[in-house]
Amino acid sequence: MLHIIDARVVPSNDDRRLLELRFSSGQAGIVDLADEFHGPVFGPLYHRGSFSEVSLHPLFHTVTWPNGADFAPEYLLDLLQRQQGHAA
């Protein structure tokens, strides 16, 4: 099962919302989540203050925010690979 073992916000001075992620598979990179924040749960995370409250969930081993929003590690790895131009 894929886990995220490290996550940190990468500061940016533009509209990107960047997380540096390291996966249990050994893969790592920076993913831009700006285009993923839609709807009542994810929409508020676009604001820098809310986005920066990201943490690693101790049981599910993925990124999560205080409002309960989270992304599956598999989804984040696929997104990272697409953004880097690799086949999923």
Foldseek 3Di string as FASTA:
>chain_A
DKAWPDWAWDDDPDQWTWIWTAMPVRDTDIFTCSVVQDDDQRVVCSPVVQVRQWDADPPQRFIAGPSGDTDHPVVRVCRVCVVVVHHD
